[in-house]
Amino acid sequence: MPTEIFPSSYRCDCGYQSDHFENTIRELKRLSMRRPQRLGADDGEHSVVFRGGEMTAMRCPKVGKDIPANKPPRIAHPRRVRKR
């Protein structure tokens, strides 16, 4: 699973680390609230995918597809019961 190294770096499963400016990351997270954004890495092959203000995946040329980022598990909320 690709990981985010706060504040502006990302590490792929293959060991590649992508470093960026903090302002670039902040702006892409803001823009990704409207639509998905991709940020190319230094090597021109890796890219980081942002959706909803968070990193959701990293594209790795060795794997050949998007590797989803590890997300915290969702908390299951009990369903509301309709009273009659």
PDB file of N, CA and C in Angstrom:
ATOM      1  N   MET A   1       0.828  -1.170   0.000  1.00  0.00           N
ATOM      2  CA  MET A   1       0.000   0.000   0.000  1.00  0.00           C
ATOM      3  C   MET A   1       0.886   1.252   0.000  1.00  0.00           C
ATOM      4  N   PRO A   2       0.641   2.168  -0.906  1.00  0.00           N
ATOM      5  CA  PRO A   2       1.392   3.425  -0.892  1.00  0.00           C
ATOM      6  C   PRO A   2       1.059   4.214   0.378  1.00  0.00           C
ATOM      7  N   THR A   3       2.056   4.922   0.874  1.00  0.00           N
ATOM      8  CA  THR A   3       1.846   5.674   2.100  1.00  0.00           C
ATOM      9  C   THR A   3       2.190   7.141   1.903  1.00  0.00           C
ATOM     10  N   GLU A   4       1.522   7.990   2.676  1.00  0.00           N
ATOM     11  CA  GLU A   4       1.799   9.420   2.661  1.00  0.00           C
ATOM     12  C   GLU A   4       2.772   9.715   3.789  1.00  0.00           C
ATOM     13  N   ILE A   5       3.876  10.379   3.458  1.00  0.00           N
ATOM     14  CA  ILE A   5       4.847  10.795   4.455  1.00  0.00           C
ATOM     15  C   ILE A   5       4.622  12.282   4.648  1.00  0.00           C
ATOM     16  N   PHE A   6       4.007  12.647   5.764  1.00  0.00           N
ATOM     17  CA  PHE A   6       3.612  14.034   6.002  1.00  0.00           C
ATOM     18  C   PHE A   6       4.832  14.935   5.955  1.00  0.00           C
ATOM     19  N   PRO A   7       4.799  16.086   5.342  1.00  0.00           N
ATOM     20  CA  PRO A   7       3.651  16.782   4.793  1.00  0.00           C
ATOM     21  C   PRO A   7       3.492  16.629   3.295  1.00  0.00           C
ATOM     22  N   SER A   8       4.554  16.246   2.551  1.00  0.00           N
ATOM     23  CA  SER A   8       4.398  16.327   1.094  1.00  0.00           C
ATOM     24  C   SER A   8       5.162  15.260   0.328  1.00  0.00           C
ATOM     25  N   SER A   9       5.341  14.086   0.897  1.00  0.00           N
ATOM     26  CA  SER A   9       6.038  13.005   0.202  1.00  0.00           C
ATOM     27  C   SER A   9       5.161  11.765   0.199  1.00  0.00           C
ATOM     28  N   TYR A  10       5.379  10.910  -0.796  1.00  0.00           N
ATOM     29  CA  TYR A  10       4.608   9.680  -0.935  1.00  0.00           C
ATOM     30  C   TYR A  10       5.556   8.553  -1.306  1.00  0.00           C
ATOM     31  N   ARG A  11       5.349   7.350  -0.718  1.00  0.00           N
ATOM     32  CA  ARG A  11       6.205   6.203  -0.983  1.00  0.00           C
ATOM     33  C   ARG A  11       5.378   5.078  -1.589  1.00  0.00           C
ATOM     34  N   CYS A  12       5.886   4.553  -2.699  1.00  0.00           N
ATOM     35  CA  CYS A  12       5.229   3.451  -3.411  1.00  0.00           C
ATOM     36  C   CYS A  12       5.675   2.119  -2.809  1.00  0.00           C
ATOM     37  N   ASP A  13       4.954   1.049  -3.128  1.00  0.00           N
ATOM     38  CA  ASP A  13       5.315  -0.287  -2.666  1.00  0.00           C
ATOM     39  C   ASP A  13       6.656  -0.744  -3.224  1.00  0.00           C
ATOM     40  N   CYS A  14       7.012  -0.266  -4.410  1.00  0.00           N
ATOM     41  CA  CYS A  14       8.268  -0.688  -5.037  1.00  0.00           C
ATOM     42  C   CYS A  14       9.478   0.013  -4.418  1.00  0.00           C
ATOM     43  N   GLY A  15       9.246   0.964  -3.491  1.00  0.00           N
ATOM     44  CA  GLY A  15      10.335   1.649  -2.812  1.00  0.00           C
ATOM     45  C   GLY A  15      10.597   3.054  -3.310  1.00  0.00           C
ATOM     46  N   TYR A  16       9.936   3.463  -4.383  1.00  0.00           N
ATOM     47  CA  TYR A  16      10.145   4.807  -4.928  1.00  0.00           C
ATOM     48  C   TYR A  16       9.476   5.837  -4.029  1.00  0.00           C
ATOM     49  N   GLN A  17      10.191   6.933  -3.740  1.00  0.00           N
ATOM     50  CA  GLN A  17       9.636   8.015  -2.927  1.00  0.00           C
ATOM     51  C   GLN A  17       9.495   9.260  -3.776  1.00  0.00           C
ATOM     52  N   SER A  18       8.302   9.819  -3.789  1.00  0.00           N
ATOM     53  CA  SER A  18       7.982  11.011  -4.569  1.00  0.00           C
ATOM     54  C   SER A  18       7.884  12.208  -3.630  1.00  0.00           C
ATOM     55  N   ASP A  19       8.748  13.216  -3.836  1.00  0.00           N
ATOM     56  CA  ASP A  19       8.767  14.410  -2.988  1.00  0.00           C
ATOM     57  C   ASP A  19       8.227  15.601  -3.761  1.00  0.00           C
ATOM     58  N   HIS A  20       7.396  16.403  -3.103  1.00  0.00           N
ATOM     59  CA  HIS A  20       6.783  17.570  -3.738  1.00  0.00           C
ATOM     60  C   HIS A  20       6.784  18.734  -2.761  1.00  0.00           C
ATOM     61  N   PHE A  21       6.464  19.936  -3.260  1.00  0.00           N
ATOM     62  CA  PHE A  21       6.319  21.104  -2.399  1.00  0.00           C
ATOM     63  C   PHE A  21       4.997  21.014  -1.644  1.00  0.00           C
ATOM     64  N   GLU A  22       4.986  21.521  -0.416  1.00  0.00           N
ATOM     65  CA  GLU A  22       3.775  21.473   0.409  1.00  0.00           C
ATOM     66  C   GLU A  22       2.619  22.236  -0.225  1.00  0.00           C
ATOM     67  N   ASN A  23       2.901  23.381  -0.830  1.00  0.00           N
ATOM     68  CA  ASN A  23       1.837  24.175  -1.459  1.00  0.00           C
ATOM     69  C   ASN A  23       1.195  23.435  -2.623  1.00  0.00           C
ATOM     70  N   THR A  24       1.987  22.682  -3.374  1.00  0.00           N
ATOM     71  CA  THR A  24       1.453  21.903  -4.497  1.00  0.00           C
ATOM     72  C   THR A  24       0.470  20.858  -3.988  1.00  0.00           C
ATOM     73  N   ILE A  25       0.847  20.152  -2.934  1.00  0.00           N
ATOM     74  CA  ILE A  25      -0.016  19.117  -2.362  1.00  0.00           C
ATOM     75  C   ILE A  25      -1.288  19.741  -1.803  1.00  0.00           C
ATOM     76  N   ARG A  26      -1.146  20.850  -1.087  1.00  0.00           N
ATOM     77  CA  ARG A  26      -2.301  21.529  -0.497  1.00  0.00           C
ATOM     78  C   ARG A  26      -3.289  21.952  -1.582  1.00  0.00           C
ATOM     79  N   GLU A  27      -2.763  22.492  -2.683  1.00  0.00           N
ATOM     80  CA  GLU A  27      -3.629  22.947  -3.774  1.00  0.00           C
ATOM     81  C   GLU A  27      -4.321  21.775  -4.466  1.00  0.00           C
ATOM     82  N   LEU A  28      -3.589  20.672  -4.704  1.00  0.00           N
ATOM     83  CA  LEU A  28      -4.203  19.504  -5.345  1.00  0.00           C
ATOM     84  C   LEU A  28      -5.271  18.867  -4.458  1.00  0.00           C
ATOM     85  N   LYS A  29      -5.044  18.842  -3.162  1.00  0.00           N
ATOM     86  CA  LYS A  29      -6.063  18.300  -2.259  1.00  0.00           C
ATOM     87  C   LYS A  29      -7.325  19.148  -2.317  1.00  0.00           C
ATOM     88  N   ARG A  30      -7.147  20.464  -2.394  1.00  0.00           N
ATOM     89  CA  ARG A  30      -8.301  21.366  -2.487  1.00  0.00           C
ATOM     90  C   ARG A  30      -9.034  21.161  -3.810  1.00  0.00           C
ATOM     91  N   LEU A  31      -8.285  21.056  -4.914  1.00  0.00           N
ATOM     92  CA  LEU A  31      -8.903  20.865  -6.229  1.00  0.00           C
ATOM     93  C   LEU A  31      -9.582  19.502  -6.355  1.00  0.00           C
ATOM     94  N   SER A  32      -9.066  18.500  -5.642  1.00  0.00           N
ATOM     95  CA  SER A  32      -9.623  17.153  -5.759  1.00  0.00           C
ATOM     96  C   SER A  32     -10.979  17.020  -5.074  1.00  0.00           C
ATOM     97  N   MET A  33     -11.401  18.046  -4.358  1.00  0.00           N
ATOM     98  CA  MET A  33     -12.735  18.009  -3.763  1.00  0.00           C
ATOM     99  C   MET A  33     -13.804  18.058  -4.850  1.00  0.00           C
ATOM    100  N   ARG A  34     -13.488  18.656  -5.989  1.00  0.00           N
ATOM    101  CA  ARG A  34     -14.446  18.756  -7.100  1.00  0.00           C
ATOM    102  C   ARG A  34     -14.325  17.596  -8.076  1.00  0.00           C
ATOM    103  N   ARG A  35     -13.079  17.231  -8.420  1.00  0.00           N
ATOM    104  CA  ARG A  35     -12.865  16.121  -9.361  1.00  0.00           C
ATOM    105  C   ARG A  35     -11.496  15.513  -9.102  1.00  0.00           C
ATOM    106  N   PRO A  36     -11.276  14.263  -9.491  1.00  0.00           N
ATOM    107  CA  PRO A  36      -9.994  13.599  -9.239  1.00  0.00           C
ATOM    108  C   PRO A  36      -8.828  14.333  -9.907  1.00  0.00           C
ATOM    109  N   GLN A  37      -7.679  14.338  -9.230  1.00  0.00           N
ATOM    110  CA  GLN A  37      -6.476  15.000  -9.723  1.00  0.00           C
ATOM    111  C   GLN A  37      -5.322  14.009  -9.700  1.00  0.00           C
ATOM    112  N   ARG A  38      -4.410  14.132 -10.679  1.00  0.00           N
ATOM    113  CA  ARG A  38      -3.196  13.314 -10.719  1.00  0.00           C
ATOM    114  C   ARG A  38      -1.984  14.213 -10.613  1.00  0.00           C
ATOM    115  N   LEU A  39      -0.988  13.766  -9.867  1.00  0.00           N
ATOM    116  CA  LEU A  39       0.256  14.503  -9.706  1.00  0.00           C
ATOM    117  C   LEU A  39       1.392  13.601 -10.158  1.00  0.00           C
ATOM    118  N   GLY A  40       2.086  14.006 -11.213  1.00  0.00           N
ATOM    119  CA  GLY A  40       3.209  13.231 -11.728  1.00  0.00           C
ATOM    120  C   GLY A  40       4.423  13.353 -10.831  1.00  0.00           C
ATOM    121  N   ALA A  41       5.197  12.274 -10.742  1.00  0.00           N
ATOM    122  CA  ALA A  41       6.402  12.270  -9.917  1.00  0.00           C
ATOM    123  C   ALA A  41       7.612  12.708 -10.734  1.00  0.00           C
ATOM    124  N   ASP A  42       8.756  12.805 -10.066  1.00  0.00           N
ATOM    125  CA  ASP A  42       9.990  13.262 -10.701  1.00  0.00           C
ATOM    126  C   ASP A  42      10.430  12.355 -11.849  1.00  0.00           C
ATOM    127  N   ASP A  43      10.222  11.058 -11.689  1.00  0.00           N
ATOM    128  CA  ASP A  43      10.699  10.114 -12.705  1.00  0.00           C
ATOM    129  C   ASP A  43       9.824  10.081 -13.948  1.00  0.00           C
ATOM    130  N   GLY A  44       8.661  10.703 -13.902  1.00  0.00           N
ATOM    131  CA  GLY A  44       7.772  10.744 -15.058  1.00  0.00           C
ATOM    132  C   GLY A  44       6.954   9.485 -15.242  1.00  0.00           C
ATOM    133  N   GLU A  45       7.111   8.508 -14.372  1.00  0.00           N
ATOM    134  CA  GLU A  45       6.380   7.251 -14.503  1.00  0.00           C
ATOM    135  C   GLU A  45       5.362   7.063 -13.378  1.00  0.00           C
ATOM    136  N   HIS A  46       5.747   7.360 -12.161  1.00  0.00           N
ATOM    137  CA  HIS A  46       4.829   7.255 -11.033  1.00  0.00           C
ATOM    138  C   HIS A  46       3.907   8.466 -11.013  1.00  0.00           C
ATOM    139  N   SER A  47       2.710   8.288 -10.493  1.00  0.00           N
ATOM    140  CA  SER A  47       1.801   9.415 -10.290  1.00  0.00           C
ATOM    141  C   SER A  47       0.927   9.136  -9.068  1.00  0.00           C
ATOM    142  N   VAL A  48       0.546  10.209  -8.393  1.00  0.00           N
ATOM    143  CA  VAL A  48      -0.275  10.126  -7.191  1.00  0.00           C
ATOM    144  C   VAL A  48      -1.679  10.594  -7.555  1.00  0.00           C
ATOM    145  N   VAL A  49      -2.704   9.856  -7.129  1.00  0.00           N
ATOM    146  CA  VAL A  49      -4.096  10.176  -7.438  1.00  0.00           C
ATOM    147  C   VAL A  49      -4.772  10.711  -6.179  1.00  0.00           C
ATOM    148  N   PHE A  50      -5.425  11.869  -6.315  1.00  0.00           N
ATOM    149  CA  PHE A  50      -6.159  12.493  -5.213  1.00  0.00           C
ATOM    150  C   PHE A  50      -7.640  12.509  -5.557  1.00  0.00           C
ATOM    151  N   ARG A  51      -8.480  12.141  -4.578  1.00  0.00           N
ATOM    152  CA  ARG A  51      -9.936  12.238  -4.708  1.00  0.00           C
ATOM    153  C   ARG A  51     -10.499  12.654  -3.358  1.00  0.00           C
ATOM    154  N   GLY A  52     -11.412  13.598  -3.369  1.00  0.00           N
ATOM    155  CA  GLY A  52     -12.068  14.015  -2.133  1.00  0.00           C
ATOM    156  C   GLY A  52     -11.130  14.607  -1.098  1.00  0.00           C
ATOM    157  N   GLY A  53     -10.046  15.229  -1.544  1.00  0.00           N
ATOM    158  CA  GLY A  53      -9.122  15.869  -0.617  1.00  0.00           C
ATOM    159  C   GLY A  53      -8.082  14.952  -0.003  1.00  0.00           C
ATOM    160  N   GLU A  54      -8.018  13.706  -0.441  1.00  0.00           N
ATOM    161  CA  GLU A  54      -7.065  12.739   0.104  1.00  0.00           C
ATOM    162  C   GLU A  54      -6.389  11.965  -1.016  1.00  0.00           C
ATOM    163  N   MET A  55      -5.220  11.392  -0.717  1.00  0.00           N
ATOM    164  CA  MET A  55      -4.563  10.508  -1.676  1.00  0.00           C
ATOM    165  C   MET A  55      -5.313   9.176  -1.662  1.00  0.00           C
ATOM    166  N   THR A  56      -5.757   8.730  -2.835  1.00  0.00           N
ATOM    167  CA  THR A  56      -6.503   7.477  -2.888  1.00  0.00           C
ATOM    168  C   THR A  56      -5.718   6.353  -3.537  1.00  0.00           C
ATOM    169  N   ALA A  57      -4.734   6.689  -4.392  1.00  0.00           N
ATOM    170  CA  ALA A  57      -3.972   5.648  -5.077  1.00  0.00           C
ATOM    171  C   ALA A  57      -2.659   6.212  -5.595  1.00  0.00           C
ATOM    172  N   MET A  58      -1.773   5.297  -5.996  1.00  0.00           N
ATOM    173  CA  MET A  58      -0.516   5.678  -6.629  1.00  0.00           C
ATOM    174  C   MET A  58      -0.312   4.753  -7.820  1.00  0.00           C
ATOM    175  N   ARG A  59      -0.028   5.331  -8.971  1.00  0.00           N
ATOM    176  CA  ARG A  59       0.189   4.552 -10.193  1.00  0.00           C
ATOM    177  C   ARG A  59       1.662   4.188 -10.274  1.00  0.00           C
ATOM    178  N   CYS A  60       1.941   2.894 -10.366  1.00  0.00           N
ATOM    179  CA  CYS A  60       3.314   2.388 -10.395  1.00  0.00           C
ATOM    180  C   CYS A  60       3.571   1.703 -11.737  1.00  0.00           C
ATOM    181  N   PRO A  61       4.680   2.038 -12.423  1.00  0.00           N
ATOM    182  CA  PRO A  61       4.958   1.398 -13.708  1.00  0.00           C
ATOM    183  C   PRO A  61       5.325  -0.081 -13.561  1.00  0.00           C
ATOM    184  N   LYS A  62       5.870  -0.477 -12.420  1.00  0.00           N
ATOM    185  CA  LYS A  62       6.243  -1.880 -12.219  1.00  0.00           C
ATOM    186  C   LYS A  62       5.009  -2.759 -12.067  1.00  0.00           C
ATOM    187  N   VAL A  63       4.007  -2.248 -11.369  1.00  0.00           N
ATOM    188  CA  VAL A  63       2.763  -2.994 -11.184  1.00  0.00           C
ATOM    189  C   VAL A  63       1.870  -2.832 -12.405  1.00  0.00           C
ATOM    190  N   GLY A  64       1.888  -1.632 -13.006  1.00  0.00           N
ATOM    191  CA  GLY A  64       1.121  -1.384 -14.220  1.00  0.00           C
ATOM    192  C   GLY A  64      -0.309  -0.943 -13.992  1.00  0.00           C
ATOM    193  N   LYS A  65      -0.645  -0.619 -12.757  1.00  0.00           N
ATOM    194  CA  LYS A  65      -1.998  -0.149 -12.474  1.00  0.00           C
ATOM    195  C   LYS A  65      -1.973   0.702 -11.217  1.00  0.00           C
ATOM    196  N   ASP A  66      -3.132   1.283 -10.873  1.00  0.00           N
ATOM    197  CA  ASP A  66      -3.234   2.078  -9.654  1.00  0.00           C
ATOM    198  C   ASP A  66      -3.229   1.156  -8.440  1.00  0.00           C
ATOM    199  N   ILE A  67      -2.382   1.481  -7.471  1.00  0.00           N
ATOM    200  CA  ILE A  67      -2.341   0.740  -6.217  1.00  0.00           C
ATOM    201  C   ILE A  67      -3.128   1.564  -5.205  1.00  0.00           C
ATOM    202  N   PRO A  68      -4.229   1.042  -4.655  1.00  0.00           N
ATOM    203  CA  PRO A  68      -5.021   1.837  -3.711  1.00  0.00           C
ATOM    204  C   PRO A  68      -4.249   2.109  -2.426  1.00  0.00           C
ATOM    205  N   ALA A  69      -4.471   3.280  -1.867  1.00  0.00           N
ATOM    206  CA  ALA A  69      -3.822   3.660  -0.610  1.00  0.00           C
ATOM    207  C   ALA A  69      -4.549   3.010   0.552  1.00  0.00           C
ATOM    208  N   ASN A  70      -3.820   2.823   1.635  1.00  0.00           N
ATOM    209  CA  ASN A  70      -4.465   2.242   2.810  1.00  0.00           C
ATOM    210  C   ASN A  70      -5.341   3.298   3.461  1.00  0.00           C
ATOM    211  N   LYS A  71      -6.579   2.933   3.693  1.00  0.00           N
ATOM    212  CA  LYS A  71      -7.555   3.843   4.276  1.00  0.00           C
ATOM    213  C   LYS A  71      -7.950   3.315   5.645  1.00  0.00           C
ATOM    214  N   PRO A  72      -8.279   4.193   6.572  1.00  0.00           N
ATOM    215  CA  PRO A  72      -8.767   3.703   7.862  1.00  0.00           C
ATOM    216  C   PRO A  72     -10.109   3.002   7.665  1.00  0.00           C
ATOM    217  N   PRO A  73     -10.358   1.945   8.412  1.00  0.00           N
ATOM    218  CA  PRO A  73     -11.629   1.239   8.247  1.00  0.00           C
ATOM    219  C   PRO A  73     -12.803   2.132   8.611  1.00  0.00           C
ATOM    220  N   ARG A  74     -13.891   1.968   7.875  1.00  0.00           N
ATOM    221  CA  ARG A  74     -15.094   2.755   8.141  1.00  0.00           C
ATOM    222  C   ARG A  74     -15.796   2.186   9.359  1.00  0.00           C
ATOM    223  N   ILE A  75     -16.336   3.075  10.151  1.00  0.00           N
ATOM    224  CA  ILE A  75     -17.067   2.663  11.342  1.00  0.00           C
ATOM    225  C   ILE A  75     -18.501   2.352  10.932  1.00  0.00           C
ATOM    226  N   ALA A  76     -18.938   1.170  11.286  1.00  0.00           N
ATOM    227  CA  ALA A  76     -20.302   0.773  10.950  1.00  0.00           C
ATOM    228  C   ALA A  76     -21.264   1.443  11.925  1.00  0.00           C
ATOM    229  N   HIS A  77     -22.187   2.186  11.388  1.00  0.00           N
ATOM    230  CA  HIS A  77     -23.195   2.843  12.210  1.00  0.00           C
ATOM    231  C   HIS A  77     -24.464   2.000  12.198  1.00  0.00           C
ATOM    232  N   PRO A  78     -25.108   1.862  13.349  1.00  0.00           N
ATOM    233  CA  PRO A  78     -26.352   1.093  13.367  1.00  0.00           C
ATOM    234  C   PRO A  78     -27.424   1.808  12.548  1.00  0.00           C
ATOM    235  N   ARG A  79     -28.244   1.020  11.894  1.00  0.00           N
ATOM    236  CA  ARG A  79     -29.319   1.603  11.093  1.00  0.00           C
ATOM    237  C   ARG A  79     -30.397   2.163  12.000  1.00  0.00           C
ATOM    238  N   ARG A  80     -30.996   3.237  11.524  1.00  0.00           N
ATOM    239  CA  ARG A  80     -32.099   3.822  12.276  1.00  0.00           C
ATOM    240  C   ARG A  80     -33.334   2.954  12.116  1.00  0.00           C
ATOM    241  N   VAL A  81     -34.023   2.768  13.192  1.00  0.00           N
ATOM    242  CA  VAL A  81     -35.250   1.984  13.164  1.00  0.00           C
ATOM    243  C   VAL A  81     -36.408   2.963  13.183  1.00  0.00           C
ATOM    244  N   ARG A  82     -37.299   2.799  12.234  1.00  0.00           N
ATOM    245  CA  ARG A  82     -38.446   3.694  12.138  1.00  0.00           C
ATOM    246  C   ARG A  82     -39.507   3.271  13.143  1.00  0.00           C
ATOM    247  N   LYS A  83     -39.900   4.231  13.978  1.00  0.00           N
ATOM    248  CA  LYS A  83     -40.931   3.937  14.975  1.00  0.00           C
ATOM    249  C   LYS A  83     -42.293   4.243  14.393  1.00  0.00           C
ATOM    250  N   ARG A  84     -43.250   3.411  14.745  1.00  0.00           N
ATOM    251  CA  ARG A  84     -44.611   3.601  14.238  1.00  0.00           C
ATOM    252  C   ARG A  84     -45.474   4.244  15.246  1.00  0.00           C
TER     253      ARG A  84
END
